[in-house]
Amino acid sequence: DMAFTLYSLIQTAILCTNAIAVLHEERFLSKIGWGVDQGVGGFGDDPGVKAQILNLIRSVRTVMRVPLIIVNSACIVLLLLFG
């Protein structure tokens, strides 16, 4: 029984954030042309979509590392206790 609940939405958001957090720049992103040197514009230029997505990925990996560990641990405990 797959009910559409708030918990399933939260779990989906956590899984998507985990997916972004584990993307390795040299091993995965550089193979598809999204490496470290990609998306660098000049001073005063508006960053493109690619540069903004790369910046989002780097930010999620930097900022969300410790909160993701805590949230993932809490989800595991909740799943173990309540199924």
PDB file of N, CA and C in Angstrom:
ATOM      1  N   ASP A   1       0.848  -1.176   0.000  1.00  0.00           N
ATOM      2  CA  ASP A   1       0.000   0.000   0.000  1.00  0.00           C
ATOM      3  C   ASP A   1       0.891   1.235   0.000  1.00  0.00           C
ATOM      4  N   MET A   2       0.965   1.916  -1.129  1.00  0.00           N
ATOM      5  CA  MET A   2       1.791   3.111  -1.263  1.00  0.00           C
ATOM      6  C   MET A   2       0.907   4.347  -1.156  1.00  0.00           C
ATOM      7  N   ALA A   3       0.765   4.858   0.030  1.00  0.00           N
ATOM      8  CA  ALA A   3      -0.028   6.054   0.237  1.00  0.00           C
ATOM      9  C   ALA A   3       0.842   7.289  -0.012  1.00  0.00           C
ATOM     10  N   PHE A   4       0.236   8.314  -0.564  1.00  0.00           N
ATOM     11  CA  PHE A   4       0.924   9.568  -0.821  1.00  0.00           C
ATOM     12  C   PHE A   4       0.842  10.409   0.447  1.00  0.00           C
ATOM     13  N   THR A   5       1.885  10.352   1.251  1.00  0.00           N
ATOM     14  CA  THR A   5       1.877  11.039   2.539  1.00  0.00           C
ATOM     15  C   THR A   5       2.984  12.074   2.594  1.00  0.00           C
ATOM     16  N   LEU A   6       2.951  12.868   3.642  1.00  0.00           N
ATOM     17  CA  LEU A   6       3.997  13.859   3.865  1.00  0.00           C
ATOM     18  C   LEU A   6       5.345  13.173   4.071  1.00  0.00           C
ATOM     19  N   TYR A   7       5.333  12.019   4.745  1.00  0.00           N
ATOM     20  CA  TYR A   7       6.572  11.288   4.972  1.00  0.00           C
ATOM     21  C   TYR A   7       7.188  10.822   3.652  1.00  0.00           C
ATOM     22  N   SER A   8       6.345  10.390   2.704  1.00  0.00           N
ATOM     23  CA  SER A   8       6.885   9.950   1.418  1.00  0.00           C
ATOM     24  C   SER A   8       7.465  11.126   0.634  1.00  0.00           C
ATOM     25  N   LEU A   9       6.864  12.318   0.760  1.00  0.00           N
ATOM     26  CA  LEU A   9       7.428  13.503   0.120  1.00  0.00           C
ATOM     27  C   LEU A   9       8.776  13.875   0.735  1.00  0.00           C
ATOM     28  N   ILE A  10       8.858  13.813   2.062  1.00  0.00           N
ATOM     29  CA  ILE A  10      10.114  14.126   2.746  1.00  0.00           C
ATOM     30  C   ILE A  10      11.185  13.108   2.368  1.00  0.00           C
ATOM     31  N   GLN A  11      10.811  11.850   2.316  1.00  0.00           N
ATOM     32  CA  GLN A  11      11.763  10.803   1.957  1.00  0.00           C
ATOM     33  C   GLN A  11      12.251  10.987   0.514  1.00  0.00           C
ATOM     34  N   THR A  12      11.380  11.398  -0.383  1.00  0.00           N
ATOM     35  CA  THR A  12      11.768  11.668  -1.763  1.00  0.00           C
ATOM     36  C   THR A  12      12.760  12.819  -1.847  1.00  0.00           C
ATOM     37  N   ALA A  13      12.503  13.877  -1.087  1.00  0.00           N
ATOM     38  CA  ALA A  13      13.421  15.019  -1.065  1.00  0.00           C
ATOM     39  C   ALA A  13      14.787  14.613  -0.515  1.00  0.00           C
ATOM     40  N   ILE A  14      14.791  13.783   0.518  1.00  0.00           N
ATOM     41  CA  ILE A  14      16.048  13.319   1.099  1.00  0.00           C
ATOM     42  C   ILE A  14      16.815  12.467   0.094  1.00  0.00           C
ATOM     43  N   LEU A  15      16.118  11.579  -0.616  1.00  0.00           N
ATOM     44  CA  LEU A  15      16.784  10.740  -1.612  1.00  0.00           C
ATOM     45  C   LEU A  15      17.360  11.568  -2.760  1.00  0.00           C
ATOM     46  N   CYS A  16      16.644  12.573  -3.205  1.00  0.00           N
ATOM     47  CA  CYS A  16      17.163  13.431  -4.274  1.00  0.00           C
ATOM     48  C   CYS A  16      18.373  14.231  -3.804  1.00  0.00           C
ATOM     49  N   THR A  17      18.326  14.729  -2.569  1.00  0.00           N
ATOM     50  CA  THR A  17      19.466  15.451  -2.014  1.00  0.00           C
ATOM     51  C   THR A  17      20.667  14.534  -1.853  1.00  0.00           C
ATOM     52  N   ASN A  18      20.429  13.287  -1.432  1.00  0.00           N
ATOM     53  CA  ASN A  18      21.514  12.302  -1.362  1.00  0.00           C
ATOM     54  C   ASN A  18      22.121  12.058  -2.733  1.00  0.00           C
ATOM     55  N   ALA A  19      21.278  11.974  -3.751  1.00  0.00           N
ATOM     56  CA  ALA A  19      21.769  11.734  -5.107  1.00  0.00           C
ATOM     57  C   ALA A  19      22.661  12.877  -5.577  1.00  0.00           C
ATOM     58  N   ILE A  20      22.290  14.103  -5.265  1.00  0.00           N
ATOM     59  CA  ILE A  20      23.116  15.255  -5.630  1.00  0.00           C
ATOM     60  C   ILE A  20      24.416  15.251  -4.836  1.00  0.00           C
ATOM     61  N   ALA A  21      24.330  14.883  -3.559  1.00  0.00           N
ATOM     62  CA  ALA A  21      25.497  14.950  -2.686  1.00  0.00           C
ATOM     63  C   ALA A  21      26.571  13.930  -3.044  1.00  0.00           C
ATOM     64  N   VAL A  22      26.203  12.823  -3.660  1.00  0.00           N
ATOM     65  CA  VAL A  22      27.200  11.796  -3.950  1.00  0.00           C
ATOM     66  C   VAL A  22      27.793  11.912  -5.351  1.00  0.00           C
ATOM     67  N   LEU A  23      27.368  12.885  -6.148  1.00  0.00           N
ATOM     68  CA  LEU A  23      27.946  13.051  -7.477  1.00  0.00           C
ATOM     69  C   LEU A  23      29.405  13.471  -7.342  1.00  0.00           C
ATOM     70  N   HIS A  24      30.303  12.687  -7.888  1.00  0.00           N
ATOM     71  CA  HIS A  24      31.729  12.976  -7.797  1.00  0.00           C
ATOM     72  C   HIS A  24      32.147  13.766  -9.035  1.00  0.00           C
ATOM     73  N   GLU A  25      32.800  14.893  -8.790  1.00  0.00           N
ATOM     74  CA  GLU A  25      33.089  15.805  -9.894  1.00  0.00           C
ATOM     75  C   GLU A  25      34.059  15.216 -10.919  1.00  0.00           C
ATOM     76  N   GLU A  26      35.133  14.591 -10.450  1.00  0.00           N
ATOM     77  CA  GLU A  26      36.129  14.074 -11.396  1.00  0.00           C
ATOM     78  C   GLU A  26      35.665  12.774 -12.059  1.00  0.00           C
ATOM     79  N   ARG A  27      35.002  11.914 -11.301  1.00  0.00           N
ATOM     80  CA  ARG A  27      34.637  10.603 -11.844  1.00  0.00           C
ATOM     81  C   ARG A  27      33.395  10.628 -12.713  1.00  0.00           C
ATOM     82  N   PHE A  28      32.414  11.429 -12.362  1.00  0.00           N
ATOM     83  CA  PHE A  28      31.154  11.395 -13.100  1.00  0.00           C
ATOM     84  C   PHE A  28      30.921  12.662 -13.915  1.00  0.00           C
ATOM     85  N   LEU A  29      30.990  13.805 -13.263  1.00  0.00           N
ATOM     86  CA  LEU A  29      30.605  15.042 -13.926  1.00  0.00           C
ATOM     87  C   LEU A  29      31.550  15.431 -15.052  1.00  0.00           C
ATOM     88  N   SER A  30      32.859  15.149 -14.913  1.00  0.00           N
ATOM     89  CA  SER A  30      33.790  15.514 -15.979  1.00  0.00           C
ATOM     90  C   SER A  30      33.585  14.649 -17.220  1.00  0.00           C
ATOM     91  N   LYS A  31      33.068  13.438 -17.041  1.00  0.00           N
ATOM     92  CA  LYS A  31      32.812  12.559 -18.191  1.00  0.00           C
ATOM     93  C   LYS A  31      31.675  13.064 -19.069  1.00  0.00           C
ATOM     94  N   ILE A  32      30.761  13.816 -18.477  1.00  0.00           N
ATOM     95  CA  ILE A  32      29.656  14.360 -19.281  1.00  0.00           C
ATOM     96  C   ILE A  32      29.887  15.831 -19.625  1.00  0.00           C
ATOM     97  N   GLY A  33      31.116  16.305 -19.394  1.00  0.00           N
ATOM     98  CA  GLY A  33      31.461  17.677 -19.760  1.00  0.00           C
ATOM     99  C   GLY A  33      31.083  18.714 -18.732  1.00  0.00           C
ATOM    100  N   TRP A  34      30.905  18.303 -17.489  1.00  0.00           N
ATOM    101  CA  TRP A  34      30.556  19.234 -16.436  1.00  0.00           C
ATOM    102  C   TRP A  34      31.624  19.253 -15.364  1.00  0.00           C
ATOM    103  N   GLY A  35      32.875  19.287 -15.754  1.00  0.00           N
ATOM    104  CA  GLY A  35      33.984  19.229 -14.813  1.00  0.00           C
ATOM    105  C   GLY A  35      34.207  20.535 -14.086  1.00  0.00           C
ATOM    106  N   VAL A  36      35.338  20.616 -13.404  1.00  0.00           N
ATOM    107  CA  VAL A  36      35.673  21.784 -12.590  1.00  0.00           C
ATOM    108  C   VAL A  36      35.846  23.022 -13.456  1.00  0.00           C
ATOM    109  N   ASP A  37      36.450  22.861 -14.619  1.00  0.00           N
ATOM    110  CA  ASP A  37      36.736  24.017 -15.469  1.00  0.00           C
ATOM    111  C   ASP A  37      35.552  24.442 -16.335  1.00  0.00           C
ATOM    112  N   GLN A  38      34.474  23.722 -16.293  1.00  0.00           N
ATOM    113  CA  GLN A  38      33.310  24.054 -17.113  1.00  0.00           C
ATOM    114  C   GLN A  38      32.446  25.105 -16.412  1.00  0.00           C
ATOM    115  N   GLY A  39      31.781  25.906 -17.209  1.00  0.00           N
ATOM    116  CA  GLY A  39      30.815  26.860 -16.676  1.00  0.00           C
ATOM    117  C   GLY A  39      31.420  28.074 -16.017  1.00  0.00           C
ATOM    118  N   VAL A  40      32.695  28.373 -16.296  1.00  0.00           N
ATOM    119  CA  VAL A  40      33.336  29.539 -15.706  1.00  0.00           C
ATOM    120  C   VAL A  40      33.207  30.683 -16.690  1.00  0.00           C
ATOM    121  N   GLY A  41      32.509  31.708 -16.280  1.00  0.00           N
ATOM    122  CA  GLY A  41      32.327  32.858 -17.146  1.00  0.00           C
ATOM    123  C   GLY A  41      33.236  33.993 -16.729  1.00  0.00           C
ATOM    124  N   GLY A  42      33.207  35.064 -17.490  1.00  0.00           N
ATOM    125  CA  GLY A  42      33.997  36.230 -17.150  1.00  0.00           C
ATOM    126  C   GLY A  42      33.336  37.047 -16.057  1.00  0.00           C
ATOM    127  N   PHE A  43      34.067  38.027 -15.557  1.00  0.00           N
ATOM    128  CA  PHE A  43      33.535  38.882 -14.494  1.00  0.00           C
ATOM    129  C   PHE A  43      32.417  39.742 -15.052  1.00  0.00           C
ATOM    130  N   GLY A  44      31.296  39.746 -14.373  1.00  0.00           N
ATOM    131  CA  GLY A  44      30.157  40.543 -14.805  1.00  0.00           C
ATOM    132  C   GLY A  44      29.230  39.829 -15.761  1.00  0.00           C
ATOM    133  N   ASP A  45      29.639  38.664 -16.267  1.00  0.00           N
ATOM    134  CA  ASP A  45      28.765  37.889 -17.146  1.00  0.00           C
ATOM    135  C   ASP A  45      27.710  37.175 -16.323  1.00  0.00           C
ATOM    136  N   ASP A  46      26.516  37.069 -16.885  1.00  0.00           N
ATOM    137  CA  ASP A  46      25.486  36.282 -16.218  1.00  0.00           C
ATOM    138  C   ASP A  46      25.831  34.803 -16.366  1.00  0.00           C
ATOM    139  N   PRO A  47      25.831  34.054 -15.256  1.00  0.00           N
ATOM    140  CA  PRO A  47      26.153  32.626 -15.361  1.00  0.00           C
ATOM    141  C   PRO A  47      25.038  31.892 -16.094  1.00  0.00           C
ATOM    142  N   GLY A  48      25.436  30.935 -16.902  1.00  0.00           N
ATOM    143  CA  GLY A  48      24.467  30.150 -17.644  1.00  0.00           C
ATOM    144  C   GLY A  48      23.813  29.115 -16.753  1.00  0.00           C
ATOM    145  N   VAL A  49      22.904  28.365 -17.336  1.00  0.00           N
ATOM    146  CA  VAL A  49      22.183  27.334 -16.599  1.00  0.00           C
ATOM    147  C   VAL A  49      23.148  26.261 -16.101  1.00  0.00           C
ATOM    148  N   LYS A  50      24.096  25.883 -16.956  1.00  0.00           N
ATOM    149  CA  LYS A  50      25.067  24.853 -16.584  1.00  0.00           C
ATOM    150  C   LYS A  50      25.898  25.293 -15.376  1.00  0.00           C
ATOM    151  N   ALA A  51      26.349  26.540 -15.376  1.00  0.00           N
ATOM    152  CA  ALA A  51      27.145  27.055 -14.266  1.00  0.00           C
ATOM    153  C   ALA A  51      26.319  27.111 -12.983  1.00  0.00           C
ATOM    154  N   GLN A  52      25.050  27.463 -13.098  1.00  0.00           N
ATOM    155  CA  GLN A  52      24.197  27.525 -11.921  1.00  0.00           C
ATOM    156  C   GLN A  52      23.932  26.138 -11.352  1.00  0.00           C
ATOM    157  N   ILE A  53      23.743  25.135 -12.213  1.00  0.00           N
ATOM    158  CA  ILE A  53      23.522  23.762 -11.741  1.00  0.00           C
ATOM    159  C   ILE A  53      24.783  23.238 -11.066  1.00  0.00           C
ATOM    160  N   LEU A  54      25.963  23.499 -11.665  1.00  0.00           N
ATOM    161  CA  LEU A  54      27.222  23.074 -11.044  1.00  0.00           C
ATOM    162  C   LEU A  54      27.419  23.749  -9.695  1.00  0.00           C
ATOM    163  N   ASN A  55      27.069  25.024  -9.611  1.00  0.00           N
ATOM    164  CA  ASN A  55      27.174  25.733  -8.338  1.00  0.00           C
ATOM    165  C   ASN A  55      26.226  25.144  -7.304  1.00  0.00           C
ATOM    166  N   LEU A  56      25.018  24.764  -7.714  1.00  0.00           N
ATOM    167  CA  LEU A  56      24.063  24.123  -6.807  1.00  0.00           C
ATOM    168  C   LEU A  56      24.598  22.788  -6.305  1.00  0.00           C
ATOM    169  N   ILE A  57      25.186  21.985  -7.209  1.00  0.00           N
ATOM    170  CA  ILE A  57      25.733  20.685  -6.815  1.00  0.00           C
ATOM    171  C   ILE A  57      26.863  20.868  -5.812  1.00  0.00           C
ATOM    172  N   ARG A  58      27.766  21.808  -6.090  1.00  0.00           N
ATOM    173  CA  ARG A  58      28.878  22.066  -5.155  1.00  0.00           C
ATOM    174  C   ARG A  58      28.361  22.569  -3.809  1.00  0.00           C
ATOM    175  N   SER A  59      27.362  23.415  -3.837  1.00  0.00           N
ATOM    176  CA  SER A  59      26.807  23.957  -2.594  1.00  0.00           C
ATOM    177  C   SER A  59      26.140  22.874  -1.763  1.00  0.00           C
ATOM    178  N   VAL A  60      25.378  21.993  -2.416  1.00  0.00           N
ATOM    179  CA  VAL A  60      24.717  20.906  -1.683  1.00  0.00           C
ATOM    180  C   VAL A  60      25.750  19.994  -1.047  1.00  0.00           C
ATOM    181  N   ARG A  61      26.813  19.687  -1.789  1.00  0.00           N
ATOM    182  CA  ARG A  61      27.852  18.821  -1.225  1.00  0.00           C
ATOM    183  C   ARG A  61      28.548  19.474  -0.037  1.00  0.00           C
ATOM    184  N   THR A  62      28.737  20.786  -0.090  1.00  0.00           N
ATOM    185  CA  THR A  62      29.446  21.489   0.977  1.00  0.00           C
ATOM    186  C   THR A  62      28.562  21.711   2.202  1.00  0.00           C
ATOM    187  N   VAL A  63      27.379  22.250   1.976  1.00  0.00           N
ATOM    188  CA  VAL A  63      26.524  22.689   3.084  1.00  0.00           C
ATOM    189  C   VAL A  63      25.741  21.540   3.707  1.00  0.00           C
ATOM    190  N   MET A  64      25.294  20.582   2.909  1.00  0.00           N
ATOM    191  CA  MET A  64      24.364  19.562   3.395  1.00  0.00           C
ATOM    192  C   MET A  64      25.035  18.291   3.905  1.00  0.00           C
ATOM    193  N   ARG A  65      26.354  18.255   3.996  1.00  0.00           N
ATOM    194  CA  ARG A  65      27.024  17.017   4.386  1.00  0.00           C
ATOM    195  C   ARG A  65      26.613  16.550   5.781  1.00  0.00           C
ATOM    196  N   VAL A  66      26.784  17.383   6.794  1.00  0.00           N
ATOM    197  CA  VAL A  66      26.442  16.988   8.171  1.00  0.00           C
ATOM    198  C   VAL A  66      24.927  16.869   8.369  1.00  0.00           C
ATOM    199  N   PRO A  67      24.114  17.829   7.882  1.00  0.00           N
ATOM    200  CA  PRO A  67      22.664  17.645   8.041  1.00  0.00           C
ATOM    201  C   PRO A  67      22.137  16.375   7.374  1.00  0.00           C
ATOM    202  N   LEU A  68      22.710  15.988   6.230  1.00  0.00           N
ATOM    203  CA  LEU A  68      22.255  14.756   5.574  1.00  0.00           C
ATOM    204  C   LEU A  68      22.580  13.526   6.405  1.00  0.00           C
ATOM    205  N   ILE A  69      23.720  13.518   7.063  1.00  0.00           N
ATOM    206  CA  ILE A  69      24.066  12.389   7.931  1.00  0.00           C
ATOM    207  C   ILE A  69      23.047  12.270   9.051  1.00  0.00           C
ATOM    208  N   ILE A  70      22.694  13.385   9.649  1.00  0.00           N
ATOM    209  CA  ILE A  70      21.738  13.387  10.758  1.00  0.00           C
ATOM    210  C   ILE A  70      20.345  12.976  10.278  1.00  0.00           C
ATOM    211  N   VAL A  71      19.895  13.555   9.160  1.00  0.00           N
ATOM    212  CA  VAL A  71      18.554  13.256   8.650  1.00  0.00           C
ATOM    213  C   VAL A  71      18.461  11.806   8.185  1.00  0.00           C
ATOM    214  N   ASN A  72      19.503  11.315   7.508  1.00  0.00           N
ATOM    215  CA  ASN A  72      19.497   9.918   7.072  1.00  0.00           C
ATOM    216  C   ASN A  72      19.459   8.973   8.268  1.00  0.00           C
ATOM    217  N   SER A  73      20.208   9.287   9.311  1.00  0.00           N
ATOM    218  CA  SER A  73      20.187   8.453  10.514  1.00  0.00           C
ATOM    219  C   SER A  73      18.804   8.445  11.158  1.00  0.00           C
ATOM    220  N   ALA A  74      18.176   9.601  11.217  1.00  0.00           N
ATOM    221  CA  ALA A  74      16.829   9.678  11.791  1.00  0.00           C
ATOM    222  C   ALA A  74      15.829   8.878  10.954  1.00  0.00           C
ATOM    223  N   CYS A  75      15.949   8.943   9.640  1.00  0.00           N
ATOM    224  CA  CYS A  75      15.047   8.166   8.771  1.00  0.00           C
ATOM    225  C   CYS A  75      15.253   6.667   8.956  1.00  0.00           C
ATOM    226  N   ILE A  76      16.491   6.248   9.097  1.00  0.00           N
ATOM    227  CA  ILE A  76      16.772   4.833   9.314  1.00  0.00           C
ATOM    228  C   ILE A  76      16.163   4.364  10.629  1.00  0.00           C
ATOM    229  N   VAL A  77      16.322   5.164  11.674  1.00  0.00           N
ATOM    230  CA  VAL A  77      15.763   4.803  12.981  1.00  0.00           C
ATOM    231  C   VAL A  77      14.234   4.738  12.899  1.00  0.00           C
ATOM    232  N   LEU A  78      13.608   5.724  12.229  1.00  0.00           N
ATOM    233  CA  LEU A  78      12.154   5.716  12.091  1.00  0.00           C
ATOM    234  C   LEU A  78      11.670   4.490  11.311  1.00  0.00           C
ATOM    235  N   LEU A  79      12.381   4.144  10.255  1.00  0.00           N
ATOM    236  CA  LEU A  79      11.992   2.969   9.469  1.00  0.00           C
ATOM    237  C   LEU A  79      12.159   1.687  10.284  1.00  0.00           C
ATOM    238  N   LEU A  80      13.214   1.620  11.090  1.00  0.00           N
ATOM    239  CA  LEU A  80      13.411   0.435  11.925  1.00  0.00           C
ATOM    240  C   LEU A  80      12.340   0.316  13.012  1.00  0.00           C
ATOM    241  N   LEU A  81      11.938   1.462  13.581  1.00  0.00           N
ATOM    242  CA  LEU A  81      10.955   1.426  14.659  1.00  0.00           C
ATOM    243  C   LEU A  81       9.528   1.218  14.162  1.00  0.00           C
ATOM    244  N   PHE A  82       9.176   1.907  13.073  1.00  0.00           N
ATOM    245  CA  PHE A  82       7.775   1.911  12.645  1.00  0.00           C
ATOM    246  C   PHE A  82       7.513   1.198  11.324  1.00  0.00           C
ATOM    247  N   GLY A  83       8.568   0.671  10.706  1.00  0.00           N
ATOM    248  CA  GLY A  83       8.395  -0.101   9.470  1.00  0.00           C
ATOM    249  C   GLY A  83       8.203   0.763   8.334  1.00  0.00           C
TER     250      GLY A  83
END
